[in-house]
Every structure is written in C-alpha cells, then in structure tokens.
C-alpha cells in the first residue's frame, strides 16, 4: 500500500488516503467499502465516521448510486452565487432598521418610501419569528 522508503506515503497516495473535503472523503470511504471490500467498521474508522453514520452514508448511496460526487467548477460556482431572495433582502433591511433601534411601527412607516413595502404585521412577524433581533429596551 505504501511506496517509497520506510513506508512513507507519496503525495499522490496522500491525495487518495487523506481526502481534502467532505465529498471526497465520502467517495473514498464508499469506494473502500464497496470496491475494495474493506469491512464497514474499518472503512468508517479509516475515514473518520462512526459505525452508525457510515451505515447511513451507505444507505443513502444505495438509494441514489448515480449521485455526482465531483461537480465541474462552473456548476459549483453558479450554485454558490445565487442572488438573495426577496424575503432575505427584506429581512436584511428590517434587521438594519431594528439595529438602528426603530420599532416595528417605525419600520412600517419607512416602507412606503422604499422599493419593497413592509407592513407592520410583516415586520412584527420577522421579529417574532426570530429572524431579526428585538429592539433594545429603554433606548
């Protein structure tokens, strides 16, 4: 399994035996179990999984064996650069106004002047839902 003198791992071998990210680690663990016929417990330990979590990983893989482990960079970049949703923009705006110590009522008054309307009830729902912090008391 080791090349070189005194059982040292080469850089090429290290790329496979010490995966750099989660997806690669899952791939190598599953490959060791299904292709190399390494026992489940040993494959789990080798790649840092508990026995139970490795069983779940195997179950998920069996239910979708066509899963793509390695995506092209273009697809990964396109998914990560999505524009924020309308709700996310509204939440960010309400959070900024709450940090400025405005009440829910004050925020609803600010809305007609801006591009995205936010009624008192919607502002209150965002606050009560824990999506933005309540105003500091006594300020």
N, C-alpha and C. Protein backbone atom coordinates (compact mmCIF):
# COMPACT_ATOMS: atom_id res chain seq x y z
N UNK A 1 0.81 -1.19 0.00
CA UNK A 1 0.00 0.00 0.00
C UNK A 1 0.86 1.26 0.00
N UNK A 2 2.00 1.24 0.62
CA UNK A 2 2.88 2.40 0.67
C UNK A 2 3.99 2.26 -0.34
N UNK A 3 4.40 3.37 -0.93
CA UNK A 3 5.52 3.38 -1.86
C UNK A 3 6.66 4.13 -1.22
N UNK A 4 7.80 4.02 -1.80
CA UNK A 4 8.94 4.75 -1.28
C UNK A 4 9.61 4.00 -0.14
N UNK A 5 10.60 4.65 0.45
CA UNK A 5 11.36 4.03 1.52
C UNK A 5 10.65 4.16 2.86
N UNK A 6 10.83 3.20 3.71
CA UNK A 6 10.34 3.19 5.09
C UNK A 6 8.84 3.43 5.20
N UNK A 7 8.07 3.01 4.19
CA UNK A 7 6.61 3.10 4.27
C UNK A 7 6.05 4.51 4.24
N UNK A 8 6.76 5.44 3.63
CA UNK A 8 6.25 6.81 3.56
C UNK A 8 5.19 6.92 2.46
N UNK A 9 4.22 7.78 2.69
CA UNK A 9 3.15 8.00 1.73
C UNK A 9 3.59 9.08 0.75
N UNK A 10 3.43 8.80 -0.54
CA UNK A 10 3.76 9.82 -1.54
C UNK A 10 2.63 10.83 -1.63
N UNK A 11 2.88 11.96 -2.28
CA UNK A 11 1.86 13.00 -2.42
C UNK A 11 0.65 12.50 -3.20
N UNK A 12 0.90 11.68 -4.20
CA UNK A 12 -0.20 11.14 -5.00
C UNK A 12 -1.05 10.20 -4.15
N UNK A 13 -0.43 9.34 -3.36
CA UNK A 13 -1.18 8.44 -2.48
C UNK A 13 -1.92 9.22 -1.41
N UNK A 14 -1.30 10.27 -0.92
CA UNK A 14 -1.92 11.09 0.13
C UNK A 14 -3.23 11.72 -0.38
N UNK A 15 -3.27 12.08 -1.65
CA UNK A 15 -4.48 12.68 -2.23
C UNK A 15 -5.67 11.74 -2.11
N UNK A 16 -5.42 10.41 -2.15
CA UNK A 16 -6.50 9.44 -2.03
C UNK A 16 -6.74 9.00 -0.60
N UNK A 17 -5.69 8.88 0.18
CA UNK A 17 -5.82 8.37 1.54
C UNK A 17 -6.22 9.44 2.55
N UNK A 18 -5.99 10.70 2.24
CA UNK A 18 -6.35 11.81 3.12
C UNK A 18 -7.16 12.83 2.32
N UNK A 19 -8.44 12.54 2.07
CA UNK A 19 -9.27 13.43 1.26
C UNK A 19 -9.32 14.85 1.82
N UNK A 20 -9.35 15.82 0.92
CA UNK A 20 -9.28 17.23 1.32
C UNK A 20 -10.64 17.82 1.70
N UNK A 21 -11.74 17.26 1.19
CA UNK A 21 -13.05 17.82 1.52
C UNK A 21 -14.05 16.71 1.83
N UNK A 22 -15.22 17.09 2.29
CA UNK A 22 -16.23 16.13 2.75
C UNK A 22 -16.69 15.21 1.63
N UNK A 23 -16.96 15.76 0.47
CA UNK A 23 -17.45 14.95 -0.65
C UNK A 23 -16.41 13.91 -1.07
N UNK A 24 -15.16 14.32 -1.12
CA UNK A 24 -14.09 13.39 -1.49
C UNK A 24 -13.94 12.30 -0.42
N UNK A 25 -14.08 12.69 0.85
CA UNK A 25 -13.97 11.71 1.94
C UNK A 25 -15.10 10.69 1.84
N UNK A 26 -16.32 11.14 1.54
CA UNK A 26 -17.44 10.22 1.37
C UNK A 26 -17.18 9.26 0.22
N UNK A 27 -16.69 9.80 -0.89
CA UNK A 27 -16.40 8.98 -2.06
C UNK A 27 -15.38 7.90 -1.72
N UNK A 28 -14.28 8.30 -1.10
CA UNK A 28 -13.21 7.34 -0.79
C UNK A 28 -13.68 6.29 0.22
N UNK A 29 -14.48 6.68 1.20
CA UNK A 29 -14.99 5.72 2.19
C UNK A 29 -15.91 4.71 1.51
N UNK A 30 -16.81 5.19 0.67
CA UNK A 30 -17.71 4.28 -0.04
C UNK A 30 -16.95 3.39 -1.02
N UNK A 31 -15.96 3.95 -1.70
CA UNK A 31 -15.15 3.15 -2.63
C UNK A 31 -14.41 2.05 -1.88
N UNK A 32 -13.85 2.38 -0.72
CA UNK A 32 -13.14 1.38 0.07
C UNK A 32 -14.09 0.25 0.47
N UNK A 33 -15.30 0.59 0.86
CA UNK A 33 -16.25 -0.42 1.32
C UNK A 33 -16.80 -1.26 0.17
N UNK A 34 -17.26 -0.61 -0.89
CA UNK A 34 -17.92 -1.33 -1.97
C UNK A 34 -16.95 -1.95 -2.97
N UNK A 35 -15.85 -1.30 -3.28
CA UNK A 35 -14.94 -1.79 -4.31
C UNK A 35 -13.82 -2.62 -3.70
N UNK A 36 -13.16 -2.08 -2.67
CA UNK A 36 -12.04 -2.79 -2.06
C UNK A 36 -12.47 -3.83 -1.04
N UNK A 37 -13.77 -3.89 -0.75
CA UNK A 37 -14.36 -4.86 0.20
C UNK A 37 -13.76 -4.73 1.60
N UNK A 38 -13.44 -3.50 2.00
CA UNK A 38 -12.96 -3.24 3.36
C UNK A 38 -14.18 -3.37 4.28
N UNK A 39 -14.05 -4.04 5.43
CA UNK A 39 -15.19 -4.16 6.35
C UNK A 39 -15.74 -2.78 6.74
N UNK A 40 -17.04 -2.73 6.97
CA UNK A 40 -17.73 -1.48 7.27
C UNK A 40 -17.09 -0.72 8.44
N UNK A 41 -16.81 -1.44 9.51
CA UNK A 41 -16.25 -0.81 10.70
C UNK A 41 -14.86 -0.21 10.41
N UNK A 42 -14.06 -0.92 9.63
CA UNK A 42 -12.72 -0.44 9.30
C UNK A 42 -12.77 0.77 8.35
N UNK A 43 -13.66 0.71 7.35
CA UNK A 43 -13.80 1.84 6.43
C UNK A 43 -14.27 3.08 7.17
N UNK A 44 -15.21 2.90 8.09
CA UNK A 44 -15.72 4.02 8.88
C UNK A 44 -14.60 4.64 9.71
N UNK A 45 -13.83 3.82 10.39
CA UNK A 45 -12.74 4.32 11.23
C UNK A 45 -11.65 4.99 10.39
N UNK A 46 -11.34 4.42 9.25
CA UNK A 46 -10.27 4.94 8.41
C UNK A 46 -10.57 6.36 7.91
N UNK A 47 -11.86 6.64 7.67
CA UNK A 47 -12.22 7.94 7.12
C UNK A 47 -12.95 8.83 8.13
N UNK A 48 -12.90 8.47 9.41
CA UNK A 48 -13.41 9.34 10.46
C UNK A 48 -14.91 9.34 10.67
N UNK A 49 -15.57 8.24 10.34
CA UNK A 49 -17.01 8.12 10.56
C UNK A 49 -17.27 7.20 11.73
N UNK A 50 -18.39 7.40 12.43
CA UNK A 50 -18.84 6.41 13.40
C UNK A 50 -19.48 5.28 12.61
N UNK A 51 -19.65 4.13 13.24
CA UNK A 51 -20.26 2.99 12.53
C UNK A 51 -21.66 3.34 12.03
N UNK A 52 -22.43 4.00 12.88
CA UNK A 52 -23.80 4.36 12.52
C UNK A 52 -23.88 5.36 11.38
N UNK A 53 -23.04 6.39 11.43
CA UNK A 53 -23.09 7.39 10.36
C UNK A 53 -22.61 6.80 9.04
N UNK A 54 -21.68 5.85 9.10
CA UNK A 54 -21.22 5.22 7.87
C UNK A 54 -22.31 4.33 7.28
N UNK A 55 -23.09 3.66 8.15
CA UNK A 55 -24.22 2.86 7.67
C UNK A 55 -25.24 3.75 6.96
N UNK A 56 -25.50 4.93 7.54
CA UNK A 56 -26.43 5.87 6.91
C UNK A 56 -25.88 6.34 5.57
N UNK A 57 -24.58 6.63 5.51
CA UNK A 57 -23.95 7.04 4.26
C UNK A 57 -24.11 5.95 3.20
N UNK A 58 -23.90 4.69 3.58
CA UNK A 58 -24.07 3.57 2.64
C UNK A 58 -25.52 3.44 2.19
N UNK A 59 -26.45 3.60 3.13
CA UNK A 59 -27.88 3.52 2.80
C UNK A 59 -28.25 4.61 1.79
N UNK A 60 -27.80 5.83 2.05
CA UNK A 60 -28.10 6.94 1.14
C UNK A 60 -27.50 6.69 -0.24
N UNK A 61 -26.30 6.12 -0.27
CA UNK A 61 -25.66 5.84 -1.55
C UNK A 61 -26.40 4.74 -2.31
N UNK A 62 -26.85 3.71 -1.59
CA UNK A 62 -27.60 2.63 -2.26
C UNK A 62 -28.90 3.16 -2.85
N UNK A 63 -29.53 4.12 -2.18
CA UNK A 63 -30.79 4.66 -2.70
C UNK A 63 -30.57 5.60 -3.89
N UNK A 64 -29.35 6.15 -4.04
CA UNK A 64 -29.02 7.01 -5.18
C UNK A 64 -27.59 6.75 -5.63
N UNK A 65 -27.34 5.58 -6.27
CA UNK A 65 -25.96 5.26 -6.67
C UNK A 65 -25.43 6.13 -7.80
N UNK A 66 -26.29 6.86 -8.49
CA UNK A 66 -25.84 7.72 -9.58
C UNK A 66 -25.45 9.12 -9.11
N UNK A 67 -25.37 9.31 -7.81
CA UNK A 67 -25.05 10.62 -7.24
C UNK A 67 -23.72 11.13 -7.79
N UNK A 68 -23.68 12.40 -8.16
CA UNK A 68 -22.45 13.01 -8.67
C UNK A 68 -21.61 13.50 -7.49
N UNK A 69 -20.43 12.91 -7.31
CA UNK A 69 -19.56 13.32 -6.22
C UNK A 69 -18.70 14.52 -6.60
N UNK A 70 -18.25 14.54 -7.82
CA UNK A 70 -17.33 15.59 -8.25
C UNK A 70 -17.99 16.41 -9.35
N UNK A 71 -18.40 17.63 -9.00
CA UNK A 71 -19.08 18.50 -9.95
C UNK A 71 -18.07 19.41 -10.63
N UNK A 72 -18.32 19.77 -11.88
CA UNK A 72 -17.42 20.72 -12.55
C UNK A 72 -17.45 22.07 -11.84
N UNK A 73 -16.35 22.81 -11.90
CA UNK A 73 -16.23 24.07 -11.19
C UNK A 73 -17.30 25.08 -11.61
N UNK A 74 -17.66 25.11 -12.88
CA UNK A 74 -18.67 26.05 -13.35
C UNK A 74 -20.01 25.85 -12.69
N UNK A 75 -20.41 24.61 -12.52
CA UNK A 75 -21.70 24.32 -11.90
C UNK A 75 -21.68 24.69 -10.42
N UNK A 76 -20.59 24.39 -9.74
CA UNK A 76 -20.45 24.70 -8.33
C UNK A 76 -20.48 26.21 -8.12
N UNK A 77 -19.80 26.96 -8.99
CA UNK A 77 -19.76 28.42 -8.86
C UNK A 77 -21.13 29.03 -9.14
N UNK A 78 -21.85 28.49 -10.11
CA UNK A 78 -23.16 29.03 -10.44
C UNK A 78 -24.13 28.85 -9.28
N UNK A 79 -24.06 27.73 -8.58
CA UNK A 79 -24.96 27.48 -7.46
C UNK A 79 -24.63 28.35 -6.26
N UNK A 80 -23.36 28.68 -6.07
CA UNK A 80 -22.98 29.42 -4.88
C UNK A 80 -23.20 30.92 -5.01
N UNK A 81 -23.43 31.42 -6.21
CA UNK A 81 -23.58 32.86 -6.42
C UNK A 81 -25.02 33.25 -6.73
N UNK A 82 -25.98 32.64 -6.05
CA UNK A 82 -27.37 32.97 -6.27
C UNK A 82 -27.68 34.32 -5.62
N UNK A 83 -28.55 35.07 -6.27
CA UNK A 83 -28.97 36.36 -5.72
C UNK A 83 -29.86 36.11 -4.51
N UNK A 84 -29.79 36.97 -3.51
CA UNK A 84 -30.64 36.78 -2.33
C UNK A 84 -32.12 36.93 -2.70
N UNK A 85 -32.96 36.16 -2.04
CA UNK A 85 -34.39 36.20 -2.32
C UNK A 85 -35.00 37.51 -1.83
N UNK A 86 -36.21 37.77 -2.25
CA UNK A 86 -36.91 38.99 -1.84
C UNK A 86 -37.09 39.00 -0.32
N UNK A 87 -37.44 37.84 0.25
CA UNK A 87 -37.60 37.75 1.70
C UNK A 87 -36.28 38.01 2.41
N UNK A 88 -35.19 37.49 1.87
CA UNK A 88 -33.88 37.69 2.51
C UNK A 88 -33.49 39.17 2.47
N UNK A 89 -33.76 39.83 1.35
CA UNK A 89 -33.46 41.27 1.26
C UNK A 89 -34.31 42.06 2.25
N UNK A 90 -35.59 41.69 2.35
CA UNK A 90 -36.49 42.37 3.28
C UNK A 90 -36.04 42.15 4.72
N UNK A 91 -35.67 40.90 5.04
CA UNK A 91 -35.20 40.60 6.39
C UNK A 91 -33.95 41.41 6.71
N UNK A 92 -33.02 41.50 5.76
CA UNK A 92 -31.79 42.27 5.99
C UNK A 92 -32.12 43.74 6.24
N UNK A 93 -33.09 44.25 5.49
CA UNK A 93 -33.48 45.65 5.66
C UNK A 93 -34.10 45.86 7.05
N UNK A 94 -35.00 44.95 7.45
CA UNK A 94 -35.65 45.07 8.76
C UNK A 94 -34.62 44.93 9.87
N UNK A 95 -33.68 44.01 9.72
CA UNK A 95 -32.62 43.84 10.73
C UNK A 95 -31.83 45.13 10.86
N UNK A 96 -31.47 45.75 9.74
CA UNK A 96 -30.71 47.00 9.79
C UNK A 96 -31.51 48.09 10.50
N UNK A 97 -32.80 48.17 10.22
CA UNK A 97 -33.63 49.18 10.87
C UNK A 97 -33.82 48.88 12.36
N UNK A 98 -33.92 47.59 12.72
CA UNK A 98 -34.05 47.23 14.14
C UNK A 98 -32.76 47.54 14.89
N UNK A 99 -31.62 47.32 14.23
CA UNK A 99 -30.34 47.66 14.86
C UNK A 99 -30.21 49.17 15.06
N UNK A 100 -30.92 49.94 14.22
CA UNK A 100 -30.95 51.40 14.39
C UNK A 100 -31.97 51.78 15.45
N UNK A 101 -32.53 50.79 16.14
CA UNK A 101 -33.45 50.97 17.26
C UNK A 101 -34.83 51.46 16.86
N UNK A 102 -35.24 51.19 15.64
CA UNK A 102 -36.58 51.55 15.21
C UNK A 102 -37.57 50.48 15.64
N UNK A 103 -38.78 50.88 15.99
CA UNK A 103 -39.82 49.93 16.37
C UNK A 103 -40.45 49.33 15.12
N UNK A 104 -41.28 48.31 15.33
CA UNK A 104 -41.97 47.68 14.21
C UNK A 104 -42.85 48.72 13.51
N UNK A 105 -43.49 49.57 14.29
CA UNK A 105 -44.34 50.62 13.72
C UNK A 105 -43.50 51.59 12.89
N UNK A 106 -42.34 52.01 13.41
CA UNK A 106 -41.46 52.92 12.66
C UNK A 106 -40.99 52.29 11.36
N UNK A 107 -40.70 51.00 11.39
CA UNK A 107 -40.25 50.30 10.19
C UNK A 107 -41.36 50.30 9.14
N UNK A 108 -42.59 50.08 9.58
CA UNK A 108 -43.70 50.08 8.63
C UNK A 108 -43.91 51.46 8.02
N UNK A 109 -43.58 52.53 8.76
CA UNK A 109 -43.68 53.89 8.22
C UNK A 109 -42.57 54.17 7.20
N UNK A 110 -41.41 53.53 7.37
CA UNK A 110 -40.29 53.73 6.44
C UNK A 110 -40.58 53.10 5.08
N UNK A 111 -41.36 52.06 5.07
CA UNK A 111 -41.55 51.24 3.88
C UNK A 111 -42.12 51.94 2.66
N UNK A 112 -43.14 52.82 2.77
CA UNK A 112 -43.69 53.42 1.55
C UNK A 112 -42.67 54.20 0.74
N UNK A 113 -41.62 54.69 1.38
CA UNK A 113 -40.60 55.46 0.68
C UNK A 113 -39.58 54.57 -0.01
N UNK A 114 -39.59 53.29 0.28
CA UNK A 114 -38.60 52.39 -0.30
C UNK A 114 -39.25 51.52 -1.36
N UNK A 115 -38.43 50.78 -2.08
CA UNK A 115 -38.91 49.95 -3.19
C UNK A 115 -39.72 48.75 -2.73
N UNK A 116 -39.39 48.18 -1.56
CA UNK A 116 -40.10 46.98 -1.11
C UNK A 116 -40.97 47.31 0.10
N UNK A 117 -42.30 47.22 -0.04
CA UNK A 117 -43.17 47.54 1.08
C UNK A 117 -43.07 46.50 2.18
N UNK A 118 -43.14 46.99 3.41
CA UNK A 118 -43.10 46.08 4.56
C UNK A 118 -44.14 46.57 5.55
N UNK A 119 -45.23 45.88 5.65
CA UNK A 119 -46.29 46.29 6.55
C UNK A 119 -45.92 45.98 8.00
N UNK A 120 -46.64 46.63 8.91
CA UNK A 120 -46.39 46.43 10.34
C UNK A 120 -46.45 44.95 10.71
N UNK A 121 -47.46 44.27 10.20
CA UNK A 121 -47.62 42.86 10.54
C UNK A 121 -46.42 42.04 10.06
N UNK A 122 -45.95 42.30 8.84
CA UNK A 122 -44.80 41.56 8.29
C UNK A 122 -43.55 41.85 9.11
N UNK A 123 -43.33 43.10 9.48
CA UNK A 123 -42.17 43.45 10.32
C UNK A 123 -42.25 42.73 11.65
N UNK A 124 -43.46 42.72 12.23
CA UNK A 124 -43.65 42.04 13.51
C UNK A 124 -43.43 40.55 13.39
N UNK A 125 -43.90 39.95 12.28
CA UNK A 125 -43.69 38.52 12.06
C UNK A 125 -42.20 38.19 11.99
N UNK A 126 -41.43 39.04 11.31
CA UNK A 126 -39.99 38.82 11.21
C UNK A 126 -39.34 38.89 12.59
N UNK A 127 -39.79 39.84 13.41
CA UNK A 127 -39.22 39.99 14.76
C UNK A 127 -39.61 38.80 15.63
N UNK A 128 -40.92 38.47 15.65
CA UNK A 128 -41.39 37.36 16.50
C UNK A 128 -40.82 36.02 16.04
N UNK A 129 -40.60 35.86 14.75
CA UNK A 129 -40.07 34.60 14.22
C UNK A 129 -38.59 34.42 14.50
N UNK A 130 -37.97 35.39 15.14
CA UNK A 130 -36.56 35.29 15.47
C UNK A 130 -35.65 35.59 14.30
N UNK A 131 -36.21 36.14 13.22
CA UNK A 131 -35.40 36.43 12.05
C UNK A 131 -34.63 37.73 12.18
N UNK A 132 -35.04 38.56 13.14
CA UNK A 132 -34.25 39.76 13.42
C UNK A 132 -34.37 40.06 14.91
N UNK A 133 -33.40 40.72 15.48
CA UNK A 133 -33.38 40.93 16.93
C UNK A 133 -34.41 41.96 17.36
N UNK A 134 -34.98 41.80 18.56
CA UNK A 134 -35.88 42.82 19.08
C UNK A 134 -35.09 44.07 19.43
N UNK A 135 -35.75 45.20 19.42
CA UNK A 135 -35.07 46.45 19.76
C UNK A 135 -34.66 46.41 21.22
N UNK A 136 -33.55 47.06 21.54
CA UNK A 136 -33.07 47.10 22.92
C UNK A 136 -34.05 47.89 23.77
N UNK A 137 -34.34 47.39 24.95
CA UNK A 137 -35.29 48.05 25.84
C UNK A 137 -34.68 49.32 26.42
N UNK A 138 -35.52 50.35 26.53
CA UNK A 138 -35.09 51.58 27.19
C UNK A 138 -34.28 52.51 26.33
N UNK A 139 -34.17 52.26 25.05
CA UNK A 139 -33.41 53.17 24.18
C UNK A 139 -34.32 54.06 23.42
